[in-house]
Amino acid sequence: MRDFKNKIALVTGAATGVGEATALAFAREGCDLILVTRKNAEGLKATAEKIKAMGRKALTVMADVSRRDDVEKLCQTALKEMGRVDILMNNAGVGLTCELRETSLEDMAWIMGVNFWGPIHTLHFLLPHMVERGSGHIVNVSSAAGLIGLPGAGAYTASKFGLVGYTEVLRTEVERFGIGVTAVCPSVIRTNIFDSMPIKGFKKEVAKPPAIFRKTPAAAAKQIVRAVKWNQAVLVITANARILYHIKRISPVLSRQVSRGIFKGILKFKE
């Protein structure tokens, strides 16, 4: 999708971080926006005001993507008010730092509900419309943890690995309908996820990666827009994630050693 002029983009998790930055980037390219968040109404309103200041339309919707009924209403509203969705960006996500042996079934259901079922819900209701029109682009925001197992965050890793696999198959199945699909796999972005995510069994300091590894949401958004334009299959954001991903593909043995080293480092933060 090279031309974004007057396209309609729906972005979940659009109140802050990468979702907000990418929504603004889409607006600069000429898109009108449907902005979605679960609870940050003020942040969503602020994002909408910035988009309207660019001369573009912005529809705001409160919805919990883990809830099928919420997403059905969201998609009905989007299609009724805006007529179509050309770009769907499944960005809403949550994190959890916890060893798998200490992860409750409730925690697992919660993180899978948002990170994995959220995109499935939106696609269930919107993909048929894209297929009928024979155009569109889907962006599923996974994580570097969807490519490389992250010790200490097994539930998060499972949700993001699942989303990468789902996205890979989806891309193959819908390309014949003129629909592009991109899996976005960032490492550490400067968002508030590290301040807001639950941490169980570790000290809070474990969730503060060095600033040198963090990319700004605006920089990530720029790469995402480019990936949509060129229908890039997988976008790995940040150099450290690309290095670790290449190590895994070239030498699984070395990759496991690196994983053990990471786990040994975070075990110092056990409570």
Protein backbone atom coordinates (compact mmCIF):
# COMPACT_ATOMS: atom_id res chain seq x y z
CA MET A 1 0.00 0.00 0.00
CA ARG A 2 2.05 2.89 -1.29
CA ASP A 3 -0.61 5.62 -1.15
CA PHE A 4 -2.20 6.35 2.26
CA LYS A 5 -4.22 9.37 1.11
CA ASN A 6 -7.79 9.21 2.49
CA LYS A 7 -7.28 5.67 3.76
CA ILE A 8 -8.93 4.63 7.03
CA ALA A 9 -6.65 3.15 9.71
CA LEU A 10 -7.83 1.48 12.91
CA VAL A 11 -5.22 1.38 15.69
CA THR A 12 -5.75 -0.38 19.02
CA GLY A 13 -3.77 0.77 22.04
CA ALA A 14 -3.68 4.23 20.47
CA ALA A 15 -3.66 6.35 23.63
CA THR A 16 0.10 6.21 24.23
CA GLY A 17 3.38 4.76 23.02
CA VAL A 18 3.79 3.05 19.68
CA GLY A 19 0.05 3.06 19.02
CA GLU A 20 -0.21 6.81 19.44
CA ALA A 21 2.97 7.50 17.46
CA THR A 22 1.91 5.28 14.56
CA ALA A 23 -1.59 6.74 14.47
CA LEU A 24 -0.03 10.19 14.15
CA ALA A 25 2.34 8.91 11.45
CA PHE A 26 -0.59 7.46 9.49
CA ALA A 27 -2.40 10.81 9.79
CA ARG A 28 0.63 12.65 8.41
CA GLU A 29 0.50 10.30 5.42
CA GLY A 30 -3.14 11.27 4.79
CA CYS A 31 -5.12 8.68 6.77
CA ASP A 32 -8.23 9.20 8.86
CA LEU A 33 -8.12 7.26 12.11
CA ILE A 34 -10.20 5.04 14.34
CA LEU A 35 -8.48 5.11 17.73
CA VAL A 36 -9.06 2.44 20.36
CA THR A 37 -8.10 2.01 24.00
CA ARG A 38 -9.45 0.07 26.95
CA LYS A 39 -9.29 2.65 29.74
CA ASN A 40 -7.10 5.68 28.93
CA ALA A 41 -9.85 7.96 27.62
CA GLU A 42 -7.86 11.14 28.24
CA GLY A 43 -4.84 9.83 26.35
CA LEU A 44 -7.05 8.74 23.46
CA LYS A 45 -8.71 12.15 23.34
CA ALA A 46 -5.30 13.84 23.23
CA THR A 47 -4.23 11.62 20.32
CA ALA A 48 -7.45 12.43 18.48
CA GLU A 49 -6.95 16.18 18.95
CA LYS A 50 -3.46 15.97 17.46
CA ILE A 51 -4.84 14.15 14.43
CA LYS A 52 -7.69 16.62 13.95
CA ALA A 53 -5.15 19.44 14.10
CA MET A 54 -3.59 17.89 10.97
CA GLY A 55 -6.92 18.18 9.18
CA ARG A 56 -7.74 14.47 9.42
CA LYS A 57 -10.73 12.72 11.01
CA ALA A 58 -10.36 10.81 14.27
CA LEU A 59 -13.01 8.52 15.76
CA THR A 60 -12.37 7.35 19.34
CA VAL A 61 -13.78 4.10 20.73
CA MET A 62 -13.38 2.55 24.17
CA ALA A 63 -13.06 -1.24 23.93
CA ASP A 64 -11.34 -4.16 25.63
CA VAL A 65 -9.89 -6.21 22.76
CA SER A 66 -9.85 -9.36 24.88
CA ARG A 67 -13.67 -9.27 24.95
CA ARG A 68 -15.39 -10.52 21.80
CA ASP A 69 -18.53 -8.44 22.39
CA ASP A 70 -16.50 -5.25 22.83
CA VAL A 71 -14.64 -5.86 19.58
CA GLU A 72 -17.81 -6.70 17.66
CA LYS A 73 -19.31 -3.36 18.73
CA LEU A 74 -16.03 -1.59 17.93
CA CYS A 75 -15.96 -2.98 14.39
CA GLN A 76 -19.63 -2.25 13.81
CA THR A 77 -19.06 1.35 14.91
CA ALA A 78 -15.95 1.69 12.76
CA LEU A 79 -17.70 0.47 9.63
CA LYS A 80 -20.84 2.49 10.28
CA GLU A 81 -19.05 5.76 11.02
CA MET A 82 -16.08 5.51 8.64
CA GLY A 83 -17.38 3.16 5.96
CA ARG A 84 -14.39 0.82 5.84
CA VAL A 85 -11.04 -0.07 7.40
CA ASP A 86 -8.07 -0.05 5.04
CA ILE A 87 -5.33 -0.55 7.64
CA LEU A 88 -5.81 -2.56 10.81
CA MET A 89 -3.06 -2.21 13.40
CA ASN A 90 -3.41 -4.62 16.32
CA ASN A 91 -1.15 -2.87 18.78
CA ALA A 92 -2.85 -3.23 22.18
CA GLY A 93 -0.71 -5.37 24.46
CA VAL A 94 0.18 -6.12 28.05
CA GLY A 95 3.29 -7.49 29.72
CA LEU A 96 4.03 -9.76 32.66
CA THR A 97 7.33 -10.55 34.35
CA CYS A 98 7.04 -13.89 36.11
CA GLU A 99 8.62 -17.34 35.91
CA LEU A 100 6.33 -19.87 34.24
CA ARG A 101 6.23 -22.07 37.34
CA GLU A 102 4.78 -19.12 39.28
CA THR A 103 2.37 -17.94 36.57
CA SER A 104 -1.27 -18.52 37.49
CA LEU A 105 -3.87 -19.71 35.00
CA GLU A 106 -5.65 -16.39 35.50
CA ASP A 107 -2.50 -14.47 34.52
CA MET A 108 -2.03 -16.69 31.48
CA ALA A 109 -5.64 -16.21 30.38
CA TRP A 110 -5.34 -12.43 30.84
CA ILE A 111 -2.19 -12.00 28.77
CA MET A 112 -3.35 -14.37 26.03
CA GLY A 113 -6.70 -12.58 25.98
CA VAL A 114 -5.15 -9.22 25.14
CA ASN A 115 -2.01 -10.12 23.19
CA PHE A 116 -3.26 -13.11 21.20
CA TRP A 117 -7.05 -13.13 21.18
CA GLY A 118 -7.25 -9.36 20.71
CA PRO A 119 -5.92 -9.50 17.13
CA ILE A 120 -7.98 -12.60 16.41
CA HIS A 121 -11.13 -10.78 17.51
CA THR A 122 -10.56 -7.72 15.31
CA LEU A 123 -9.65 -9.87 12.33
CA HIS A 124 -12.71 -12.07 12.79
CA PHE A 125 -14.96 -9.05 12.28
CA LEU A 126 -12.92 -6.95 9.84
CA LEU A 127 -11.10 -9.39 7.57
CA PRO A 128 -14.24 -10.37 5.60
CA HIS A 129 -14.70 -6.72 4.62
CA MET A 130 -11.10 -6.48 3.41
CA VAL A 131 -11.50 -9.70 1.42
CA GLU A 132 -14.72 -8.41 -0.14
CA ARG A 133 -13.01 -5.17 -1.22
CA GLY A 134 -9.85 -6.95 -2.35
CA SER A 135 -7.52 -4.60 -0.49
CA GLY A 136 -6.12 -3.68 2.91
CA HIS A 137 -3.18 -4.12 5.21
CA ILE A 138 -2.95 -5.80 8.61
CA VAL A 139 -0.25 -4.95 11.15
CA ASN A 140 0.06 -7.30 14.13
CA VAL A 141 2.40 -5.89 16.74
CA SER A 142 4.15 -8.82 18.37
CA SER A 143 7.57 -8.50 20.02
CA ALA A 144 11.15 -9.66 19.77
CA ALA A 145 9.89 -12.11 22.41
CA GLY A 146 7.74 -13.55 19.63
CA LEU A 147 10.92 -14.61 17.85
CA ILE A 148 13.27 -15.32 20.75
CA GLY A 149 12.16 -16.92 24.02
CA LEU A 150 12.43 -14.44 26.90
CA PRO A 151 13.22 -16.11 30.24
CA GLY A 152 11.26 -14.61 33.12
CA ALA A 153 8.40 -13.68 30.77
CA GLY A 154 7.14 -17.04 29.55
CA ALA A 155 3.45 -16.10 29.36
CA TYR A 156 4.26 -12.96 27.41
CA THR A 157 6.57 -14.96 25.12
CA ALA A 158 3.85 -17.56 24.48
CA SER A 159 1.32 -14.89 23.50
CA LYS A 160 3.75 -13.17 21.14
CA PHE A 161 5.09 -16.39 19.56
CA GLY A 162 1.50 -17.40 18.90
CA LEU A 163 0.78 -14.07 17.24
CA VAL A 164 3.85 -14.33 14.98
CA GLY A 165 2.81 -17.80 13.81
CA TYR A 166 -0.77 -16.70 13.25
CA THR A 167 0.43 -13.66 11.27
CA GLU A 168 2.77 -15.76 9.12
CA VAL A 169 -0.03 -18.07 8.06
CA LEU A 170 -2.46 -15.19 7.60
CA ARG A 171 -0.09 -13.44 5.21
CA THR A 172 0.10 -16.50 2.97
CA GLU A 173 -3.65 -17.10 3.00
CA VAL A 174 -4.86 -13.56 2.24
CA GLU A 175 -2.27 -12.31 -0.24
CA ARG A 176 -4.41 -13.63 -3.10
CA PHE A 177 -7.08 -11.12 -2.05
CA GLY A 178 -4.72 -8.16 -2.35
CA ILE A 179 -4.24 -7.86 1.42
CA GLY A 180 -0.82 -7.21 2.94
CA VAL A 181 0.22 -8.47 6.37
CA THR A 182 3.12 -7.42 8.60
CA ALA A 183 4.32 -8.81 11.92
CA VAL A 184 6.09 -6.10 13.93
CA CYS A 185 8.61 -7.43 16.45
CA PRO A 186 10.15 -4.64 18.52
CA SER A 187 12.58 -5.08 21.35
CA VAL A 188 12.58 -2.26 23.92
CA ILE A 189 10.62 0.88 23.09
CA ARG A 190 10.39 3.91 25.38
CA THR A 191 6.82 3.36 26.56
CA ASN A 192 5.17 3.02 29.95
CA ILE A 193 4.72 -0.75 29.68
CA PHE A 194 7.63 -1.33 32.06
CA ASP A 195 6.01 0.88 34.68
CA SER A 196 2.53 -0.59 34.36
CA MET A 197 3.05 -4.32 33.85
CA PRO A 198 2.70 -6.78 36.75
CA ILE A 199 5.97 -8.12 38.19
CA LYS A 200 5.73 -11.28 40.28
CA GLY A 201 8.65 -12.92 42.04
CA PHE A 202 11.15 -10.27 40.95
CA LYS A 203 12.15 -6.83 42.15
CA LYS A 204 10.82 -3.95 40.05
CA GLU A 205 14.32 -3.11 38.83
CA VAL A 206 14.26 -6.18 36.57
CA ALA A 207 11.84 -4.35 34.25
CA LYS A 208 14.14 -1.40 33.59
CA PRO A 209 16.31 -2.24 30.58
CA PRO A 210 19.25 0.08 29.84
CA ALA A 211 18.19 3.27 28.07
CA ILE A 212 20.75 2.65 25.31
CA PHE A 213 18.59 -0.21 24.00
CA ARG A 214 15.36 1.79 23.90
CA LYS A 215 13.97 3.23 20.66
CA THR A 216 11.48 6.09 20.67
CA PRO A 217 7.87 5.36 19.66
CA ALA A 218 8.19 7.92 16.84
CA ALA A 219 11.20 6.09 15.40
CA ALA A 220 9.35 2.79 15.60
CA ALA A 221 6.29 4.35 13.95
CA LYS A 222 8.38 5.56 11.03
CA GLN A 223 9.60 2.01 10.42
CA ILE A 224 6.07 0.60 10.70
CA VAL A 225 4.72 3.01 8.08
CA ARG A 226 7.55 2.04 5.75
CA ALA A 227 6.84 -1.67 6.35
CA VAL A 228 3.19 -1.17 5.39
CA LYS A 229 4.15 0.71 2.24
CA TRP A 230 6.45 -2.11 1.12
CA ASN A 231 4.33 -4.96 2.52
CA GLN A 232 7.22 -6.19 4.65
CA ALA A 233 6.50 -9.61 6.17
CA VAL A 234 8.42 -9.21 9.44
CA LEU A 235 9.76 -5.98 10.89
CA VAL A 236 12.29 -6.47 13.68
CA ILE A 237 12.86 -3.19 15.49
CA THR A 238 16.10 -2.38 17.38
CA ALA A 239 19.58 -3.68 16.63
CA ASN A 240 19.85 -5.94 19.68
CA ALA A 241 16.70 -7.82 18.65
CA ARG A 242 18.00 -8.32 15.11
CA ILE A 243 21.32 -9.62 16.44
CA LEU A 244 19.66 -12.10 18.80
CA TYR A 245 17.28 -13.25 16.06
CA HIS A 246 20.17 -13.86 13.64
CA ILE A 247 22.07 -15.79 16.33
CA LYS A 248 19.03 -18.01 16.88
CA ARG A 249 18.67 -18.80 13.18
CA ILE A 250 22.39 -19.39 12.62
CA SER A 251 23.25 -21.22 15.85
CA PRO A 252 20.45 -22.55 18.07
CA VAL A 253 23.07 -23.83 20.54
CA LEU A 254 24.61 -20.37 20.94
CA SER A 255 21.12 -18.89 21.20
CA ARG A 256 20.31 -21.18 24.14
CA GLN A 257 23.55 -20.16 25.82
CA VAL A 258 22.61 -16.50 25.42
CA SER A 259 19.15 -17.25 26.85
CA ARG A 260 20.71 -18.95 29.86
CA GLY A 261 22.97 -15.94 30.34
CA ILE A 262 20.00 -13.56 30.27
CA PHE A 263 18.12 -15.73 32.77
CA LYS A 264 21.14 -15.93 35.07
CA GLY A 265 21.30 -12.12 35.01
CA ILE A 266 17.65 -11.57 35.90
CA LEU A 267 17.74 -14.18 38.66
CA LYS A 268 19.77 -11.61 40.63
CA PHE A 269 16.54 -9.64 40.91
CA LYS A 270 14.52 -12.48 42.49
CA GLU A 271 12.73 -11.45 45.65
